Amino acid sequence: MEHELFPKHYESWKNCITQKCKTPLTKEFVQERIKVLSQKNSQGRKAFVEKYGDHWTDRVLGYFKQALEEM
């Protein structure tokens, strides 16, 4: 298991979300996060980018899209 702030792989990210953060990846939650992070001018995306940067925001958006594909 990775012990870094930004997991480099989807499975590590998924483990962080579901196990460490205890956040279930429900379809509704995943779809909402995709919606927010996809809108360049949304407050949610702006806050995420401000805290983590563009690269990590885009990576997390990709992880959420992958999670949706798995459902």
N, C-alpha and C. Protein backbone atom coordinates (compact mmCIF):
# COMPACT_ATOMS: atom_id res chain seq x y z
N MET A 1 0.84 -1.18 0.00
CA MET A 1 0.00 0.00 0.00
C MET A 1 0.89 1.24 0.00
N GLU A 2 0.45 2.24 -0.71
CA GLU A 2 1.21 3.48 -0.80
C GLU A 2 0.93 4.37 0.40
N HIS A 3 1.95 5.10 0.84
CA HIS A 3 1.80 6.00 1.97
C HIS A 3 2.05 7.43 1.55
N GLU A 4 1.71 7.77 0.35
CA GLU A 4 1.95 9.12 -0.13
C GLU A 4 0.64 9.88 -0.21
N LEU A 5 0.73 11.18 -0.24
CA LEU A 5 -0.45 12.03 -0.28
C LEU A 5 -1.26 11.80 -1.55
N PHE A 6 -0.57 11.63 -2.68
CA PHE A 6 -1.23 11.48 -3.96
C PHE A 6 -0.98 10.09 -4.54
N PRO A 7 -1.91 9.17 -4.37
CA PRO A 7 -1.72 7.83 -4.94
C PRO A 7 -1.53 7.90 -6.44
N LYS A 8 -0.57 7.14 -6.93
CA LYS A 8 -0.25 7.15 -8.36
C LYS A 8 -1.10 6.21 -9.18
N HIS A 9 -1.82 5.32 -8.52
CA HIS A 9 -2.60 4.32 -9.23
C HIS A 9 -4.05 4.30 -8.72
N TYR A 10 -4.93 3.96 -9.62
CA TYR A 10 -6.36 3.96 -9.31
C TYR A 10 -6.68 3.12 -8.08
N GLU A 11 -6.17 1.90 -8.00
CA GLU A 11 -6.50 1.02 -6.88
C GLU A 11 -6.07 1.62 -5.55
N SER A 12 -4.93 2.28 -5.52
CA SER A 12 -4.47 2.94 -4.29
C SER A 12 -5.39 4.10 -3.92
N TRP A 13 -5.79 4.87 -4.93
CA TRP A 13 -6.72 5.98 -4.69
C TRP A 13 -8.05 5.45 -4.17
N LYS A 14 -8.55 4.40 -4.81
CA LYS A 14 -9.83 3.81 -4.41
C LYS A 14 -9.76 3.32 -2.96
N ASN A 15 -8.66 2.70 -2.59
CA ASN A 15 -8.48 2.25 -1.22
C ASN A 15 -8.49 3.43 -0.25
N CYS A 16 -7.83 4.52 -0.62
CA CYS A 16 -7.82 5.71 0.23
C CYS A 16 -9.24 6.23 0.46
N ILE A 17 -10.01 6.30 -0.61
CA ILE A 17 -11.37 6.84 -0.52
C ILE A 17 -12.27 5.91 0.29
N THR A 18 -12.28 4.64 -0.06
CA THR A 18 -13.24 3.72 0.54
C THR A 18 -12.82 3.19 1.91
N GLN A 19 -11.53 2.97 2.12
CA GLN A 19 -11.08 2.38 3.38
C GLN A 19 -10.62 3.43 4.39
N LYS A 20 -9.68 4.27 4.00
CA LYS A 20 -9.15 5.27 4.92
C LYS A 20 -10.18 6.36 5.23
N CYS A 21 -10.84 6.86 4.19
CA CYS A 21 -11.80 7.96 4.38
C CYS A 21 -13.21 7.46 4.68
N LYS A 22 -13.42 6.16 4.51
CA LYS A 22 -14.73 5.55 4.78
C LYS A 22 -15.84 6.20 3.95
N THR A 23 -15.51 6.53 2.70
CA THR A 23 -16.48 7.15 1.79
C THR A 23 -16.87 6.12 0.73
N PRO A 24 -18.11 5.65 0.75
CA PRO A 24 -18.52 4.68 -0.27
C PRO A 24 -18.61 5.36 -1.64
N LEU A 25 -18.15 4.67 -2.64
CA LEU A 25 -18.22 5.19 -4.01
C LEU A 25 -19.55 4.78 -4.63
N THR A 26 -20.60 5.47 -4.18
CA THR A 26 -21.91 5.21 -4.75
C THR A 26 -22.00 5.88 -6.12
N LYS A 27 -22.92 5.40 -6.92
CA LYS A 27 -23.09 5.98 -8.26
C LYS A 27 -23.41 7.46 -8.17
N GLU A 28 -24.27 7.83 -7.25
CA GLU A 28 -24.68 9.23 -7.10
C GLU A 28 -23.49 10.11 -6.70
N PHE A 29 -22.70 9.64 -5.73
CA PHE A 29 -21.54 10.40 -5.28
C PHE A 29 -20.52 10.58 -6.41
N VAL A 30 -20.24 9.49 -7.09
CA VAL A 30 -19.25 9.53 -8.18
C VAL A 30 -19.72 10.46 -9.30
N GLN A 31 -20.97 10.36 -9.68
CA GLN A 31 -21.50 11.22 -10.75
C GLN A 31 -21.43 12.70 -10.34
N GLU A 32 -21.72 13.00 -9.10
CA GLU A 32 -21.68 14.39 -8.63
C GLU A 32 -20.25 14.92 -8.65
N ARG A 33 -19.29 14.12 -8.20
CA ARG A 33 -17.89 14.54 -8.21
C ARG A 33 -17.40 14.75 -9.65
N ILE A 34 -17.81 13.90 -10.56
CA ILE A 34 -17.44 14.07 -11.97
C ILE A 34 -18.02 15.38 -12.50
N LYS A 35 -19.26 15.64 -12.17
CA LYS A 35 -19.92 16.87 -12.62
C LYS A 35 -19.17 18.10 -12.11
N VAL A 36 -18.88 18.12 -10.83
CA VAL A 36 -18.21 19.28 -10.22
C VAL A 36 -16.80 19.45 -10.77
N LEU A 37 -16.03 18.38 -10.81
CA LEU A 37 -14.64 18.48 -11.25
C LEU A 37 -14.49 18.72 -12.75
N SER A 38 -15.54 18.42 -13.51
CA SER A 38 -15.50 18.65 -14.96
C SER A 38 -15.80 20.09 -15.35
N GLN A 39 -16.46 20.83 -14.47
CA GLN A 39 -16.84 22.21 -14.77
C GLN A 39 -15.71 23.14 -14.35
N LYS A 40 -15.00 23.67 -15.34
CA LYS A 40 -13.81 24.49 -15.07
C LYS A 40 -14.08 25.68 -14.17
N ASN A 41 -15.29 26.21 -14.19
CA ASN A 41 -15.59 27.40 -13.40
C ASN A 41 -16.39 27.11 -12.13
N SER A 42 -16.59 25.83 -11.80
CA SER A 42 -17.35 25.52 -10.59
C SER A 42 -16.52 25.83 -9.35
N GLN A 43 -17.19 26.23 -8.30
CA GLN A 43 -16.49 26.53 -7.05
C GLN A 43 -15.79 25.28 -6.51
N GLY A 44 -16.43 24.13 -6.67
CA GLY A 44 -15.84 22.88 -6.20
C GLY A 44 -14.53 22.56 -6.90
N ARG A 45 -14.50 22.74 -8.21
CA ARG A 45 -13.26 22.49 -8.95
C ARG A 45 -12.20 23.53 -8.58
N LYS A 46 -12.61 24.79 -8.52
CA LYS A 46 -11.64 25.84 -8.18
C LYS A 46 -11.01 25.58 -6.82
N ALA A 47 -11.81 25.17 -5.85
CA ALA A 47 -11.28 24.88 -4.51
C ALA A 47 -10.33 23.69 -4.55
N PHE A 48 -10.68 22.67 -5.32
CA PHE A 48 -9.84 21.48 -5.43
C PHE A 48 -8.52 21.83 -6.09
N VAL A 49 -8.58 22.60 -7.17
CA VAL A 49 -7.36 23.02 -7.88
C VAL A 49 -6.49 23.88 -6.97
N GLU A 50 -7.11 24.78 -6.24
CA GLU A 50 -6.35 25.65 -5.35
C GLU A 50 -5.60 24.83 -4.29
N LYS A 51 -6.24 23.80 -3.82
CA LYS A 51 -5.63 22.98 -2.76
C LYS A 51 -4.63 21.96 -3.31
N TYR A 52 -4.93 21.35 -4.47
CA TYR A 52 -4.13 20.23 -4.96
C TYR A 52 -3.47 20.44 -6.32
N GLY A 53 -3.86 21.47 -7.05
CA GLY A 53 -3.27 21.73 -8.36
C GLY A 53 -4.06 21.10 -9.50
N ASP A 54 -3.79 21.60 -10.71
CA ASP A 54 -4.50 21.12 -11.91
C ASP A 54 -4.22 19.65 -12.20
N HIS A 55 -2.96 19.26 -12.11
CA HIS A 55 -2.59 17.89 -12.47
C HIS A 55 -3.33 16.88 -11.60
N TRP A 56 -3.30 17.10 -10.30
CA TRP A 56 -3.95 16.15 -9.40
C TRP A 56 -5.47 16.19 -9.57
N THR A 57 -6.04 17.35 -9.81
CA THR A 57 -7.48 17.47 -10.05
C THR A 57 -7.89 16.64 -11.26
N ASP A 58 -7.13 16.76 -12.33
CA ASP A 58 -7.44 15.98 -13.54
C ASP A 58 -7.27 14.48 -13.31
N ARG A 59 -6.27 14.11 -12.52
CA ARG A 59 -6.06 12.70 -12.22
C ARG A 59 -7.23 12.15 -11.41
N VAL A 60 -7.67 12.89 -10.40
CA VAL A 60 -8.79 12.45 -9.57
C VAL A 60 -10.07 12.37 -10.41
N LEU A 61 -10.26 13.32 -11.29
CA LEU A 61 -11.41 13.26 -12.19
C LEU A 61 -11.37 11.97 -13.00
N GLY A 62 -10.21 11.61 -13.49
CA GLY A 62 -10.05 10.34 -14.21
C GLY A 62 -10.35 9.14 -13.34
N TYR A 63 -9.93 9.20 -12.08
CA TYR A 63 -10.22 8.10 -11.15
C TYR A 63 -11.72 7.97 -10.93
N PHE A 64 -12.42 9.09 -10.76
CA PHE A 64 -13.87 9.02 -10.59
C PHE A 64 -14.54 8.46 -11.85
N LYS A 65 -14.05 8.83 -13.01
CA LYS A 65 -14.62 8.29 -14.26
C LYS A 65 -14.38 6.79 -14.34
N GLN A 66 -13.21 6.34 -13.91
CA GLN A 66 -12.92 4.91 -13.91
C GLN A 66 -13.83 4.18 -12.93
N ALA A 67 -14.06 4.78 -11.77
CA ALA A 67 -14.95 4.19 -10.78
C ALA A 67 -16.36 4.03 -11.36
N LEU A 68 -16.81 5.04 -12.10
CA LEU A 68 -18.15 4.97 -12.70
C LEU A 68 -18.21 3.85 -13.74
N GLU A 69 -17.15 3.67 -14.50
CA GLU A 69 -17.10 2.61 -15.49
C GLU A 69 -17.17 1.22 -14.84
N GLU A 70 -16.65 1.10 -13.64
CA GLU A 70 -16.65 -0.18 -12.94
C GLU A 70 -18.02 -0.56 -12.41
N MET A 71 -18.92 0.42 -12.32
CA MET A 71 -20.24 0.16 -11.72
C MET A 71 -21.16 -0.54 -12.70
